[in-house]
């Protein structure tokens, strides 16, 4: 007596094999020359972007440190001189001397 399948049970669908056309289409698309050229273009764009970002960062660092070393002391010194000129004008007006034209 051979084993007979039970009646009324749930049957599972058949498994798809790798030889079916649905999975074969995906493999053909991913191995197409268009996809590989697109991947290469994306890699090239990422490489160029990374290089550009790096060089831009270096240029920003150079500009920032140059400004701090050269321009900030100049601005501070100009502010001090302006304050000194205002103080001299104020002292001269307190002493009663006529105001002179500032340069």
N, C-alpha and C. Protein backbone atom coordinates (compact mmCIF):
# COMPACT_ATOMS: atom_id res chain seq x y z
N UNK A 1 0.83 -1.17 0.00
CA UNK A 1 0.00 0.00 0.00
C UNK A 1 0.88 1.24 0.00
N UNK A 2 0.76 2.09 -1.01
CA UNK A 2 1.56 3.30 -1.16
C UNK A 2 0.94 4.42 -0.36
N UNK A 3 1.79 5.36 0.05
CA UNK A 3 1.30 6.50 0.83
C UNK A 3 0.54 7.44 -0.09
N UNK A 4 -0.65 7.77 0.30
CA UNK A 4 -1.47 8.67 -0.49
C UNK A 4 -1.46 10.05 0.16
N UNK A 5 -1.51 11.12 -0.67
CA UNK A 5 -1.52 12.46 -0.09
C UNK A 5 -2.81 12.72 0.66
N UNK A 6 -2.71 13.52 1.71
CA UNK A 6 -3.89 13.85 2.51
C UNK A 6 -4.77 14.81 1.73
N UNK A 7 -6.03 14.68 1.96
CA UNK A 7 -6.98 15.57 1.30
C UNK A 7 -7.30 16.77 2.19
N UNK A 8 -7.58 17.92 1.52
CA UNK A 8 -8.02 19.09 2.27
C UNK A 8 -6.86 19.94 2.81
N UNK A 9 -5.63 19.58 2.58
CA UNK A 9 -4.49 20.35 3.06
C UNK A 9 -4.17 21.52 2.15
N UNK A 10 -3.27 22.38 2.57
CA UNK A 10 -2.84 23.55 1.78
C UNK A 10 -1.65 23.13 0.94
N UNK A 11 -1.72 23.42 -0.33
CA UNK A 11 -0.60 23.08 -1.19
C UNK A 11 0.21 24.34 -1.47
N UNK A 12 1.52 24.21 -1.49
CA UNK A 12 2.42 25.33 -1.76
C UNK A 12 2.67 25.42 -3.26
N UNK A 13 2.89 26.66 -3.75
CA UNK A 13 3.18 26.80 -5.18
C UNK A 13 4.56 26.24 -5.48
N UNK A 14 4.75 25.91 -6.73
CA UNK A 14 6.04 25.37 -7.15
C UNK A 14 7.11 26.46 -7.07
N UNK A 15 8.32 26.04 -6.78
CA UNK A 15 9.44 26.98 -6.72
C UNK A 15 9.85 27.36 -8.14
N UNK A 16 10.26 28.61 -8.25
CA UNK A 16 10.74 29.07 -9.55
C UNK A 16 12.18 28.60 -9.74
N UNK A 17 12.48 28.11 -10.86
CA UNK A 17 13.85 27.67 -11.12
C UNK A 17 14.63 28.80 -11.77
N UNK A 18 15.94 28.73 -11.73
CA UNK A 18 16.80 29.77 -12.30
C UNK A 18 16.72 29.81 -13.82
N UNK A 19 16.20 28.77 -14.41
CA UNK A 19 16.13 28.71 -15.87
C UNK A 19 14.90 29.44 -16.42
N UNK A 20 14.04 29.93 -15.55
CA UNK A 20 12.83 30.61 -16.04
C UNK A 20 13.19 31.97 -16.62
N UNK A 21 12.40 32.49 -17.57
CA UNK A 21 12.74 33.74 -18.24
C UNK A 21 12.71 34.96 -17.33
N UNK A 22 11.93 34.97 -16.21
CA UNK A 22 11.84 36.17 -15.37
C UNK A 22 13.20 36.52 -14.77
N UNK A 23 13.89 35.53 -14.21
CA UNK A 23 15.19 35.80 -13.60
C UNK A 23 16.26 36.01 -14.66
N UNK A 24 16.08 35.43 -15.82
CA UNK A 24 17.03 35.59 -16.91
C UNK A 24 17.03 37.02 -17.44
N UNK A 25 15.90 37.68 -17.41
CA UNK A 25 15.80 39.07 -17.87
C UNK A 25 16.61 39.98 -16.95
N UNK A 26 16.50 39.76 -15.64
CA UNK A 26 17.25 40.57 -14.68
C UNK A 26 18.75 40.40 -14.88
N UNK A 27 19.18 39.19 -15.12
CA UNK A 27 20.60 38.94 -15.35
C UNK A 27 21.07 39.61 -16.63
N UNK A 28 20.24 39.59 -17.66
CA UNK A 28 20.62 40.23 -18.92
C UNK A 28 20.68 41.74 -18.78
N UNK A 29 19.78 42.32 -17.97
CA UNK A 29 19.77 43.78 -17.80
C UNK A 29 21.01 44.22 -17.03
N UNK A 30 21.33 43.52 -15.94
CA UNK A 30 22.47 43.94 -15.13
C UNK A 30 23.80 43.73 -15.83
N UNK A 31 23.85 42.82 -16.79
CA UNK A 31 25.11 42.61 -17.49
C UNK A 31 25.17 43.36 -18.83
N UNK A 32 24.21 44.22 -19.07
CA UNK A 32 24.20 44.94 -20.35
C UNK A 32 25.28 46.03 -20.36
N UNK A 33 25.76 46.40 -21.53
CA UNK A 33 26.80 47.44 -21.61
C UNK A 33 26.30 48.81 -21.16
N UNK A 34 25.02 49.07 -21.30
CA UNK A 34 24.47 50.35 -20.88
C UNK A 34 24.56 50.50 -19.36
N UNK A 35 24.24 49.44 -18.64
CA UNK A 35 24.30 49.49 -17.18
C UNK A 35 25.75 49.64 -16.73
N UNK A 36 26.66 48.91 -17.35
CA UNK A 36 28.06 49.02 -16.95
C UNK A 36 28.63 50.40 -17.26
N UNK A 37 28.22 51.01 -18.36
CA UNK A 37 28.66 52.38 -18.66
C UNK A 37 28.07 53.37 -17.67
N UNK A 38 26.84 53.13 -17.25
CA UNK A 38 26.23 54.00 -16.24
C UNK A 38 26.94 53.90 -14.91
N UNK A 39 27.30 52.67 -14.52
CA UNK A 39 28.05 52.49 -13.27
C UNK A 39 29.41 53.18 -13.35
N UNK A 40 30.08 53.05 -14.50
CA UNK A 40 31.39 53.69 -14.66
C UNK A 40 31.26 55.21 -14.60
N UNK A 41 30.20 55.76 -15.22
CA UNK A 41 29.99 57.21 -15.18
C UNK A 41 29.72 57.67 -13.75
N UNK A 42 28.95 56.90 -12.99
CA UNK A 42 28.67 57.26 -11.59
C UNK A 42 29.95 57.23 -10.76
N UNK A 43 30.79 56.22 -11.00
CA UNK A 43 32.06 56.13 -10.27
C UNK A 43 32.97 57.31 -10.62
N UNK A 44 33.01 57.67 -11.89
CA UNK A 44 33.83 58.81 -12.31
C UNK A 44 33.32 60.11 -11.70
N UNK A 45 32.01 60.29 -11.68
CA UNK A 45 31.43 61.51 -11.10
C UNK A 45 31.74 61.59 -9.60
N UNK A 46 31.66 60.47 -8.90
CA UNK A 46 31.97 60.47 -7.47
C UNK A 46 33.44 60.80 -7.23
N UNK A 47 34.32 60.27 -8.08
CA UNK A 47 35.76 60.54 -7.95
C UNK A 47 36.05 62.03 -8.15
N UNK A 48 35.47 62.61 -9.20
CA UNK A 48 35.69 64.03 -9.48
C UNK A 48 35.12 64.90 -8.37
N UNK A 49 33.94 64.54 -7.87
CA UNK A 49 33.33 65.31 -6.78
C UNK A 49 34.20 65.28 -5.53
N UNK A 50 34.75 64.11 -5.23
CA UNK A 50 35.60 63.98 -4.06
C UNK A 50 36.86 64.83 -4.20
N UNK A 51 37.48 64.79 -5.38
CA UNK A 51 38.68 65.60 -5.62
C UNK A 51 38.36 67.10 -5.52
N UNK A 52 37.23 67.50 -6.11
CA UNK A 52 36.83 68.91 -6.08
C UNK A 52 36.56 69.37 -4.66
N UNK A 53 35.88 68.54 -3.89
CA UNK A 53 35.58 68.89 -2.51
C UNK A 53 36.85 69.03 -1.69
N UNK A 54 37.79 68.13 -1.92
CA UNK A 54 39.06 68.17 -1.20
C UNK A 54 39.84 69.44 -1.55
N UNK A 55 39.93 69.77 -2.83
CA UNK A 55 40.70 70.95 -3.23
C UNK A 55 39.99 72.23 -2.78
N UNK A 56 38.67 72.22 -2.78
CA UNK A 56 37.93 73.39 -2.29
C UNK A 56 38.17 73.59 -0.80
N UNK A 57 38.21 72.49 -0.07
CA UNK A 57 38.49 72.58 1.37
C UNK A 57 39.88 73.12 1.64
N UNK A 58 40.85 72.68 0.85
CA UNK A 58 42.22 73.19 1.02
C UNK A 58 42.29 74.68 0.71
N UNK A 59 41.61 75.10 -0.36
CA UNK A 59 41.61 76.51 -0.73
C UNK A 59 40.93 77.36 0.35
N UNK A 60 39.84 76.85 0.92
CA UNK A 60 39.15 77.57 1.99
C UNK A 60 40.05 77.69 3.22
N UNK A 61 40.78 76.65 3.53
CA UNK A 61 41.70 76.67 4.67
C UNK A 61 42.80 77.72 4.44
N UNK A 62 43.36 77.75 3.25
CA UNK A 62 44.42 78.73 2.94
C UNK A 62 43.87 80.15 3.03
N UNK A 63 42.69 80.39 2.44
CA UNK A 63 42.10 81.73 2.47
C UNK A 63 41.77 82.15 3.90
N UNK A 64 41.24 81.23 4.70
CA UNK A 64 40.88 81.57 6.08
C UNK A 64 42.08 81.90 6.94
N UNK A 65 43.13 81.10 6.84
CA UNK A 65 44.31 81.37 7.66
C UNK A 65 45.03 82.63 7.19
N UNK A 66 45.04 82.88 5.89
CA UNK A 66 45.65 84.12 5.39
C UNK A 66 44.90 85.34 5.90
N UNK A 67 43.58 85.25 5.91
CA UNK A 67 42.77 86.37 6.43
C UNK A 67 43.06 86.59 7.91
N UNK A 68 43.14 85.52 8.69
CA UNK A 68 43.41 85.66 10.12
C UNK A 68 44.79 86.25 10.39
N UNK A 69 45.77 85.88 9.59
CA UNK A 69 47.13 86.34 9.83
C UNK A 69 47.35 87.77 9.33
N UNK A 70 46.76 88.12 8.19
CA UNK A 70 47.03 89.43 7.60
C UNK A 70 45.95 90.48 7.86
N UNK A 71 44.70 90.14 7.70
CA UNK A 71 43.64 91.15 7.73
C UNK A 71 43.17 91.49 9.14
N UNK A 72 43.06 90.50 10.01
CA UNK A 72 42.53 90.77 11.36
C UNK A 72 43.43 91.73 12.13
N UNK A 73 44.76 91.55 12.17
CA UNK A 73 45.59 92.55 12.87
C UNK A 73 45.48 93.94 12.27
N UNK A 74 45.35 94.02 10.94
CA UNK A 74 45.18 95.32 10.30
C UNK A 74 43.88 95.99 10.74
N UNK A 75 42.82 95.24 10.80
CA UNK A 75 41.53 95.79 11.25
C UNK A 75 41.61 96.26 12.70
N UNK A 76 42.26 95.48 13.54
CA UNK A 76 42.40 95.87 14.96
C UNK A 76 43.21 97.15 15.09
N UNK A 77 44.31 97.25 14.34
CA UNK A 77 45.15 98.45 14.41
C UNK A 77 44.41 99.68 13.89
N UNK A 78 43.64 99.53 12.82
CA UNK A 78 42.86 100.67 12.31
C UNK A 78 41.83 101.13 13.33
N UNK A 79 41.22 100.17 14.04
CA UNK A 79 40.24 100.52 15.07
C UNK A 79 40.90 101.27 16.22
N UNK A 80 42.08 100.83 16.62
CA UNK A 80 42.81 101.52 17.70
C UNK A 80 43.15 102.96 17.30
N UNK A 81 43.61 103.13 16.07
CA UNK A 81 43.97 104.47 15.62
C UNK A 81 42.74 105.38 15.57
N UNK A 82 41.60 104.82 15.16
CA UNK A 82 40.37 105.61 15.13
C UNK A 82 39.97 106.04 16.53
N UNK A 83 40.09 105.12 17.49
CA UNK A 83 39.76 105.47 18.87
C UNK A 83 40.71 106.53 19.41
N UNK A 84 42.00 106.42 19.06
CA UNK A 84 42.98 107.40 19.51
C UNK A 84 42.66 108.79 18.93
N UNK A 85 42.31 108.84 17.66
CA UNK A 85 41.95 110.12 17.04
C UNK A 85 40.72 110.73 17.70
N UNK A 86 39.72 109.92 18.00
CA UNK A 86 38.52 110.43 18.67
C UNK A 86 38.85 110.94 20.07
N UNK A 87 39.75 110.25 20.77
CA UNK A 87 40.15 110.67 22.12
C UNK A 87 40.89 112.01 22.06
N UNK A 88 41.78 112.17 21.08
CA UNK A 88 42.50 113.44 20.93
C UNK A 88 41.55 114.58 20.62
N UNK A 89 40.56 114.35 19.76
CA UNK A 89 39.57 115.39 19.45
C UNK A 89 38.75 115.75 20.69
N UNK A 90 38.40 114.76 21.47
CA UNK A 90 37.62 115.02 22.68
C UNK A 90 38.44 115.81 23.69
N UNK A 91 39.71 115.47 23.88
CA UNK A 91 40.56 116.21 24.81
C UNK A 91 40.79 117.63 24.33
N UNK A 92 40.97 117.80 23.03
CA UNK A 92 41.19 119.14 22.49
C UNK A 92 39.96 120.01 22.68
N UNK A 93 38.76 119.42 22.54
CA UNK A 93 37.55 120.22 22.72
C UNK A 93 37.34 120.56 24.19
N UNK A 94 37.77 119.71 25.10
CA UNK A 94 37.66 120.01 26.53
C UNK A 94 38.62 121.12 26.95
N UNK A 95 39.78 121.17 26.31
CA UNK A 95 40.77 122.19 26.62
C UNK A 95 40.45 123.52 25.95
N UNK A 96 39.51 123.54 25.05
CA UNK A 96 39.08 124.76 24.40
C UNK A 96 39.81 125.08 23.12
N UNK A 97 40.60 124.20 22.62
CA UNK A 97 41.30 124.43 21.36
C UNK A 97 40.32 124.23 20.21
N UNK A 98 40.50 124.98 19.13
CA UNK A 98 39.60 124.79 17.99
C UNK A 98 39.82 123.42 17.35
N UNK A 99 38.75 122.75 16.96
CA UNK A 99 38.88 121.41 16.36
C UNK A 99 39.63 121.49 15.04
N UNK A 100 40.51 120.55 14.83
CA UNK A 100 41.26 120.52 13.58
C UNK A 100 40.66 119.47 12.66
N UNK A 101 40.93 119.63 11.40
CA UNK A 101 40.40 118.67 10.42
C UNK A 101 41.17 117.36 10.55
N UNK A 102 40.44 116.27 10.69
CA UNK A 102 41.11 114.97 10.82
C UNK A 102 41.44 114.42 9.45
N UNK A 103 42.52 113.70 9.40
CA UNK A 103 42.98 113.15 8.12
C UNK A 103 42.41 111.78 7.91
